[in-house]
Each structure stands twice: as structure tokens, then as C-alpha cells.
């Protein structure tokens, strides 16, 4: 189970650090072997961040890729041209479900909690309130991904296994998880002090406290917007608070002023962009561009009408559309899918570079959020919804380094949910998990009828959530059953989550 394995992972990590720290120097003879030195936050914090971003973006290992073999397929950015049963038929492998759960908890959350424990104690040699705040923000971000993936999750007592012996934590409802995250993000953002102690080895924002504040505040806007249909008063209060006081609650001000993780050159199988690792270094060619994306961004003859497609995809190598853009249908049987190996476009090199930045929250997304909130009346003190929508779309083109066609907004006289989310879907390319969450919340974009050859499982429906891992049923049975009850339906891929509209 996750929380007994959590202790095992932590023990192994600490042993590894201890071995690396060995030195033949005589000064070590005076060390007390029964009181090993604490691992510094500058060691565990970057490890937690890197593992979380890798898992959210792609991951280096098969059956660990919730984005590549989940969100990117289910939102029909990609289609598999081989191994179609690894996500493309709406039936994610049990290993993917378990690895996603265990990975977030044991590789990231436990290390973030360790960072918080080390830096929040005034008696600790690592006491640093800024470090505590950024580790807390990152922890809550990961919890938001987890609850949007599974529903109810261990939250308030999730990380007490190695310190308090609680290896069977209770579950918290998604509504209460959201409330906790939103409160904690606000507190952590306010605790950050630009004149305070530096944040060493911050591989996300290089110790820039204002960037951390912006990340926390825009994440609050994302979650407030997501829950607005079920918690309207609370969401409106959050929009009013953040948007009404930019000095206290700074947010993004431009395309480059957003939250990106910046990979570095590949070292020891790590640090580089995970799509580069999988698609370039490991030469995996399992993913084609989906016919759904191609249809939305071409003239039907393989010519891009949306310049962003030239970044998203490469021209087909062979077939009727060789040298142009072509897609592969989702959910095909293996024998049919492989026929698209060279005749469908592949992911573009813009996204597979060794150091290609990984978006967490963008300026475009923030403006899509503001467009929707304004349209729904959840935010009333800003510009009109169309202005926010146009800014969001323009920022997306800028982010992908192509020019927005002058007539792109022609004929759009009124804003509605379908328009916002369909454009948001295009802008979220590479962020499949986020697009999947928005689809489950709103029902947009409307996906086309499946290819007649498709063999979709799950009653032909995009999964509404992931099932809990089998380990929870074997080692935390009473609590996982309570979690299932909190979700309001059986533990399957058709039970809708709390915020669905």
C-alpha cells in the first residue's frame, strides 16, 4: 500500500544519502553513528519538484505516464499507433493507476513534507520560513492534481506515516480537499517574504519569491473557477480578493511571466525534458497526432489553418498526406493502428527538445479562467469576457512562437462556454491532464464520433477519474471504502467528481 511503501521509500532514500555522504576523513570518527545528520532541504526539495513535474508532464518509465498515456490520448491530442491498450481505449492499466498514486505520495509529497518539517522549526539549523512556504505551495499543487484525478484522497493525515506511525490514513472529500488547498495556498503566499532567507536549490523558480506568489495566486484562481458551479459564493470571494489587490496577491502579467519548469541537459538519465527522454533519447514512436486535433486546425486537405499546429506536429512521412498534416484515429485495434505509423503526423520537435520548458500554469490559461469567470458573473470588476478570451488566445500563439492570424477572431460576437473551452483545449496542448480535467468539468470540447473500427472500453466514455489502486484495498480497506462513498458512486471510471457542471 502507498503509505507503508512510503516508509520504505523514505528509508531507502535516507540510506542512499547516508552512503553518498561517506568520507574517509578522520573528522568523521567523532560523528555519532546513532544520530545521523538530517538531509538538508536543498537535497529533498529539488528531488520532490523534479519528480512531480516529470510525472505530470510525461515520466520516463512505461505505465507511469498519466499525461502521455492518459490525458493526451483521452483529449485526442495524440493517438497511439501501437500498444493501444495502454490508454487509448479508455481503460488505463492498473499499474498506471497505482504508479501515479504511489509516485505522487512517495516521491514528491513525503519529500515536500520533510522539507516543511526541517524548515518550519525555529530550533532547526535549516529554519527558513520562505522555504516552508514554497514547499507548502508545491505540496498543495500536487494535492490538487491528485484530487482531480481520483476524487477523495488522503489529505489531512496523508503524510503522517513516517512520523506518527499512521500507515492507514483517512480520506478527505474532494470538497474539503479543495477548501484546505485554497486556504493553505493563501497562507503560504502571504508568508513569503522577498527580503527573507534565500531558497537554495529551487529548480522551479530559482528562488524568486514573487514567482512563487504568482504561482500560488493563479493556482487559487484555477481552483476557484473549477469549483464555481458548486461553491459560487466562495469562488467569487477569491476572485474579488486576488484581482482587487495585486500588490498583496500578484498574478501573471504576460506570456513570459508564467509558471514553467525549465529542464536542463540530460545527466544520469535525469534533468532533461521527459518528452525528450521518451521520444528522442529512447526513440519511442508510439504516439501519433490525433485526427481530432488535425481536423480542428487544418482545412481538411492537410494544410494548417492554425499556425500552432506547425509547432504541435510534424508533417506525415508517407501516405496520401505525405508532407502535410494528417492524424490517426483514437482507440483503434492494434492491427489497424499500426497502419498510421508513418502516414500520420508525429509530435513536433518544439516539445521534444532536451531543455524545452514545461508549462504548469500559463498566462493564456489565466485569461481563459478570467474569461469564464466574467461570463458566469463570478468576477465582475474587470474587463469583458471577450477581451480576456482574445488575450488568452493571443498569448497562446505567443507562447508557441507563431503569429496569430489577423482574422482568427472574425465572426465571434458573443462568448460562451463551448468557445472558451474549445480554445482552451488548443492552448493546453502538452498539458493533457489539465485539458482532461476541464473536459470532465464542462463536457467541452465536444469530441467527434469514434472511428467505426474503434474498440473503446468504459462504455465508450472518457474516464471521469482513475480508480483507487489495489494496494489501498489490501492495506487501507476501511478508509478507501469511505473515500468511495465520499465520491458518490462506485469506484470506477464513470463516477463524476464533485465539481462537474
Foldseek 3Di string as FASTA:
>chain_A
DQLVVLLVLVVVVVVVVVVVPDDPDPVCVPDDPVDDDDDALLPLQVQQVFLLLLQLQAHQDPLSGCQVQAQCQLLQQKAFLAPQVCRLQQDHDLSNQANNVNSNQRRHLLSLVVQLVQQCDPVHPNPFLLSNLLSQLVNLLSVVLVCLFAFWDQDPCSRCCNPPVPSQGFTDGNVVSLVVSLVSLLVSLQSHDPPTDFDHNPQFPRRRSVLSLQQSLLVSLVSLLLQCVPVVVVSLVSQCVQVVCCVSRPHADAQVSAGWGWFDADDPLDRWRSLLSVCPVVVDQGIFGAQQVQVVAAPVLQAGPWVLVVQQWAFACDDPRHRGAHHAFTQFPNVVSNVCSRGHIGGHPCRNDRGRIGHDAGLLNSLLSVLVCQVVVSYPPDDHSVVSNVRSLCSLCVNSPHHGDPCPCPPPDDDDPQVSLASVSVSCVSSSSVNLSVCLQEVPDPTDDGDPRGNHPPVSDNFQHAARRVVCCVPNNVNVVVSCVSLVDHRDRPRHHDSHD
